[in-house]
């Protein structure tokens, strides 16, 4: 994890699978393996893609992630790191590639991208969980605004870090259209709703 956070090399699809293997290696034999069955998300209107399309969608995601995970070294150099981090999180949970542990890996990716782009980490507290779930529902309808606006208090850290996080979020707010353009184009409209605890798994 520390190596990925500090490295200037791209984060790849293989790295994502390794993160999952690291998180779930003592929990399931499927750690690091893409799911081979359909899944549903309790409390959510969103239906993840079928298992047959997961490898191709993750290959697309991996190519994009490799491009944006090295700040300033690609076509996305002018895009706020906060927007890129939110886009990475949203795209990954939209594919939902693993049978379990998608939320944990998504938040690891979110924080890896934040650290690489000079932001403090984001911690989802108990008080912020419902807001986080609702932001996921909206963002999976191709709208990242709830995920990166300053009024959504998903960040906890040092006082200075909070101020810099807010400034970054304000910049990201002005770039909302860019954020939406970076997400995988295939989206189903998601009605706003409150997802349940499974989102945190």
Protein backbone atom coordinates (compact mmCIF):
# COMPACT_ATOMS: atom_id res chain seq x y z
CA UNK A 1 0.00 0.00 0.00
CA UNK A 2 2.73 2.48 0.97
CA UNK A 3 4.62 1.65 -2.20
CA UNK A 4 1.54 2.27 -4.34
CA UNK A 5 0.81 5.53 -2.53
CA UNK A 6 4.32 6.93 -2.97
CA UNK A 7 5.21 5.48 -6.36
CA UNK A 8 5.27 7.55 -9.53
CA UNK A 9 4.46 4.53 -11.67
CA UNK A 10 0.92 3.90 -12.97
CA UNK A 11 -1.60 1.93 -10.91
CA UNK A 12 -2.67 -0.98 -13.10
CA UNK A 13 -5.55 -3.44 -13.30
CA UNK A 14 -3.17 -6.03 -11.83
CA UNK A 15 -2.56 -3.74 -8.85
CA UNK A 16 -6.33 -3.51 -8.26
CA UNK A 17 -6.59 -7.30 -8.16
CA UNK A 18 -3.62 -7.44 -5.80
CA UNK A 19 -5.32 -4.94 -3.49
CA UNK A 20 -8.38 -7.17 -3.38
CA UNK A 21 -6.23 -10.21 -2.69
CA UNK A 22 -4.51 -8.36 0.14
CA UNK A 23 -7.78 -7.24 1.72
CA UNK A 24 -9.61 -10.58 1.47
CA UNK A 25 -6.83 -13.19 1.49
CA UNK A 26 -7.96 -14.68 4.83
CA UNK A 27 -11.67 -14.27 4.14
CA UNK A 28 -12.35 -15.94 0.80
CA UNK A 29 -10.63 -18.22 -1.70
CA UNK A 30 -11.80 -15.84 -4.41
CA UNK A 31 -9.51 -13.04 -3.22
CA UNK A 32 -8.10 -11.30 -6.30
CA UNK A 33 -10.41 -13.17 -8.70
CA UNK A 34 -13.18 -11.52 -10.66
CA UNK A 35 -16.67 -12.79 -9.89
CA UNK A 36 -18.19 -15.54 -11.99
CA UNK A 37 -21.80 -14.91 -11.00
CA UNK A 38 -24.31 -12.07 -11.00
CA UNK A 39 -24.58 -9.91 -7.89
CA UNK A 40 -27.10 -7.49 -6.43
CA UNK A 41 -26.54 -4.69 -3.93
CA UNK A 42 -28.88 -4.67 -0.95
CA UNK A 43 -30.83 -1.43 -0.69
CA UNK A 44 -29.67 -0.11 -4.06
CA UNK A 45 -31.53 0.30 -7.35
CA UNK A 46 -28.29 -0.23 -9.26
CA UNK A 47 -27.66 -3.59 -10.97
CA UNK A 48 -23.96 -4.30 -11.65
CA UNK A 49 -23.01 -5.75 -15.06
CA UNK A 50 -23.08 -9.50 -15.63
CA UNK A 51 -19.93 -11.51 -14.89
CA UNK A 52 -19.24 -12.11 -18.57
CA UNK A 53 -18.59 -8.39 -19.13
CA UNK A 54 -16.46 -7.80 -16.01
CA UNK A 55 -13.02 -8.65 -17.55
CA UNK A 56 -13.53 -6.31 -20.51
CA UNK A 57 -14.89 -3.50 -18.35
CA UNK A 58 -12.02 -3.86 -15.89
CA UNK A 59 -9.54 -3.80 -18.77
CA UNK A 60 -11.07 -0.47 -19.85
CA UNK A 61 -10.95 0.80 -16.29
CA UNK A 62 -7.36 -0.37 -15.87
CA UNK A 63 -6.19 1.49 -18.96
CA UNK A 64 -7.85 4.68 -17.76
CA UNK A 65 -6.52 4.24 -14.22
CA UNK A 66 -2.97 3.76 -15.51
CA UNK A 67 -3.36 7.02 -17.40
CA UNK A 68 -4.61 9.16 -14.50
CA UNK A 69 -2.73 7.67 -11.54
CA UNK A 70 0.50 9.56 -12.27
CA UNK A 71 -0.29 13.26 -11.66
CA UNK A 72 0.78 15.64 -14.40
CA UNK A 73 2.04 12.92 -16.74
CA UNK A 74 -0.91 12.46 -19.06
CA UNK A 75 -3.83 14.02 -20.89
CA UNK A 76 -5.66 14.52 -17.58
CA UNK A 77 -2.93 16.71 -16.08
CA UNK A 78 -5.25 19.72 -15.92
CA UNK A 79 -8.03 17.86 -14.11
CA UNK A 80 -8.34 18.21 -10.34
CA UNK A 81 -6.98 15.21 -8.44
CA UNK A 82 -10.14 15.23 -6.35
CA UNK A 83 -12.26 14.72 -9.45
CA UNK A 84 -9.96 11.96 -10.71
CA UNK A 85 -10.12 10.18 -7.32
CA UNK A 86 -13.92 10.38 -7.25
CA UNK A 87 -14.12 9.15 -10.84
CA UNK A 88 -11.88 6.16 -10.06
CA UNK A 89 -14.00 5.23 -7.04
CA UNK A 90 -17.28 5.57 -8.95
CA UNK A 91 -16.18 3.66 -12.05
CA UNK A 92 -14.81 0.78 -9.95
CA UNK A 93 -17.94 0.32 -7.81
CA UNK A 94 -20.09 0.59 -10.94
CA UNK A 95 -18.32 -2.43 -12.45
CA UNK A 96 -18.44 -4.19 -9.03
CA UNK A 97 -15.90 -6.76 -10.25
CA UNK A 98 -15.58 -8.94 -7.14
CA UNK A 99 -18.08 -11.11 -5.31
CA UNK A 100 -17.26 -9.26 -2.06
CA UNK A 101 -14.98 -6.47 -0.85
CA UNK A 102 -15.73 -3.99 -3.64
CA UNK A 103 -16.42 -1.14 -1.22
CA UNK A 104 -13.17 -1.68 0.65
CA UNK A 105 -11.10 -1.78 -2.52
CA UNK A 106 -12.93 1.26 -3.91
CA UNK A 107 -12.06 3.31 -0.82
CA UNK A 108 -8.43 2.15 -0.98
CA UNK A 109 -8.29 3.31 -4.60
CA UNK A 110 -9.94 6.60 -3.65
CA UNK A 111 -7.30 7.28 -0.99
CA UNK A 112 -4.39 6.13 -3.14
CA UNK A 113 -5.45 8.62 -5.79
CA UNK A 114 -5.97 11.40 -3.23
CA UNK A 115 -2.51 10.84 -1.74
CA UNK A 116 -0.85 10.77 -5.15
CA UNK A 117 -2.52 14.06 -6.05
CA UNK A 118 -1.46 15.75 -2.82
CA UNK A 119 -4.69 15.49 -0.81
CA UNK A 120 -5.20 14.05 2.69
CA UNK A 121 -7.03 10.75 2.93
CA UNK A 122 -10.83 10.50 3.11
CA UNK A 123 -12.33 8.60 6.04
CA UNK A 124 -16.01 7.68 5.94
CA UNK A 125 -17.23 8.07 9.51
CA UNK A 126 -20.35 6.48 10.95
CA UNK A 127 -22.14 9.84 10.82
CA UNK A 128 -21.30 10.25 7.13
CA UNK A 129 -22.24 6.78 5.90
CA UNK A 130 -25.75 7.58 4.71
CA UNK A 131 -24.48 10.64 2.86
CA UNK A 132 -21.78 8.47 1.30
CA UNK A 133 -24.31 5.86 0.19
CA UNK A 134 -26.55 8.50 -1.36
CA UNK A 135 -23.57 10.07 -3.15
CA UNK A 136 -22.77 6.66 -4.63
CA UNK A 137 -26.32 6.30 -5.93
CA UNK A 138 -26.16 9.71 -7.61
CA UNK A 139 -22.64 9.20 -8.99
CA UNK A 140 -23.62 5.89 -10.58
CA UNK A 141 -26.13 7.90 -12.57
CA UNK A 142 -23.09 9.75 -14.07
CA UNK A 143 -23.23 12.71 -11.69
CA UNK A 144 -20.14 13.09 -9.50
CA UNK A 145 -21.26 16.34 -7.90
CA UNK A 146 -22.47 14.81 -4.60
CA UNK A 147 -19.18 12.97 -4.30
CA UNK A 148 -16.86 15.96 -4.40
CA UNK A 149 -18.75 19.02 -3.16
CA UNK A 150 -17.31 20.64 -0.01
CA UNK A 151 -20.60 20.44 1.92
CA UNK A 152 -20.42 16.62 1.89
CA UNK A 153 -18.21 16.02 4.91
CA UNK A 154 -16.61 12.71 3.95
CA UNK A 155 -13.19 13.95 5.03
CA UNK A 156 -11.68 13.93 8.48
CA UNK A 157 -8.04 14.90 9.10
CA UNK A 158 -5.72 17.69 10.13
CA UNK A 159 -7.16 21.23 10.27
CA UNK A 160 -4.91 22.37 7.44
CA UNK A 161 -5.83 19.31 5.44
CA UNK A 162 -9.52 20.09 5.72
CA UNK A 163 -8.95 23.58 4.33
CA UNK A 164 -6.91 22.29 1.40
CA UNK A 165 -9.50 19.58 0.79
CA UNK A 166 -12.23 22.21 0.65
CA UNK A 167 -10.25 24.33 -1.79
CA UNK A 168 -9.70 21.29 -3.99
CA UNK A 169 -13.36 20.40 -3.86
CA UNK A 170 -14.31 23.94 -4.87
CA UNK A 171 -12.05 23.68 -7.90
CA UNK A 172 -13.53 20.28 -8.68
CA UNK A 173 -17.05 21.73 -8.50
CA UNK A 174 -16.20 23.97 -11.45
CA UNK A 175 -14.99 20.92 -13.36
CA UNK A 176 -18.07 18.77 -12.88
CA UNK A 177 -18.66 18.40 -16.60
CA UNK A 178 -15.12 17.08 -17.04
CA UNK A 179 -15.71 14.55 -14.28
CA UNK A 180 -18.82 13.21 -15.94
CA UNK A 181 -16.94 12.88 -19.21
CA UNK A 182 -14.30 10.66 -17.61
CA UNK A 183 -16.72 8.04 -16.32
CA UNK A 184 -17.47 4.96 -18.41
CA UNK A 185 -20.22 6.01 -20.84
CA UNK A 186 -22.57 3.09 -20.19
CA UNK A 187 -24.84 4.12 -17.32
CA UNK A 188 -28.33 3.26 -16.17
CA UNK A 189 -30.39 5.97 -14.50
CA UNK A 190 -30.36 5.45 -10.75
CA UNK A 191 -33.15 6.79 -8.60
CA UNK A 192 -31.84 8.55 -5.46
CA UNK A 193 -32.07 6.24 -2.50
CA UNK A 194 -30.39 5.08 0.67
CA UNK A 195 -28.15 2.04 0.21
CA UNK A 196 -27.59 -0.27 3.16
CA UNK A 197 -24.57 -1.51 5.07
CA UNK A 198 -23.47 -3.81 2.30
CA UNK A 199 -22.09 -0.72 0.54
CA UNK A 200 -19.34 -0.60 3.17
CA UNK A 201 -18.17 -4.19 2.55
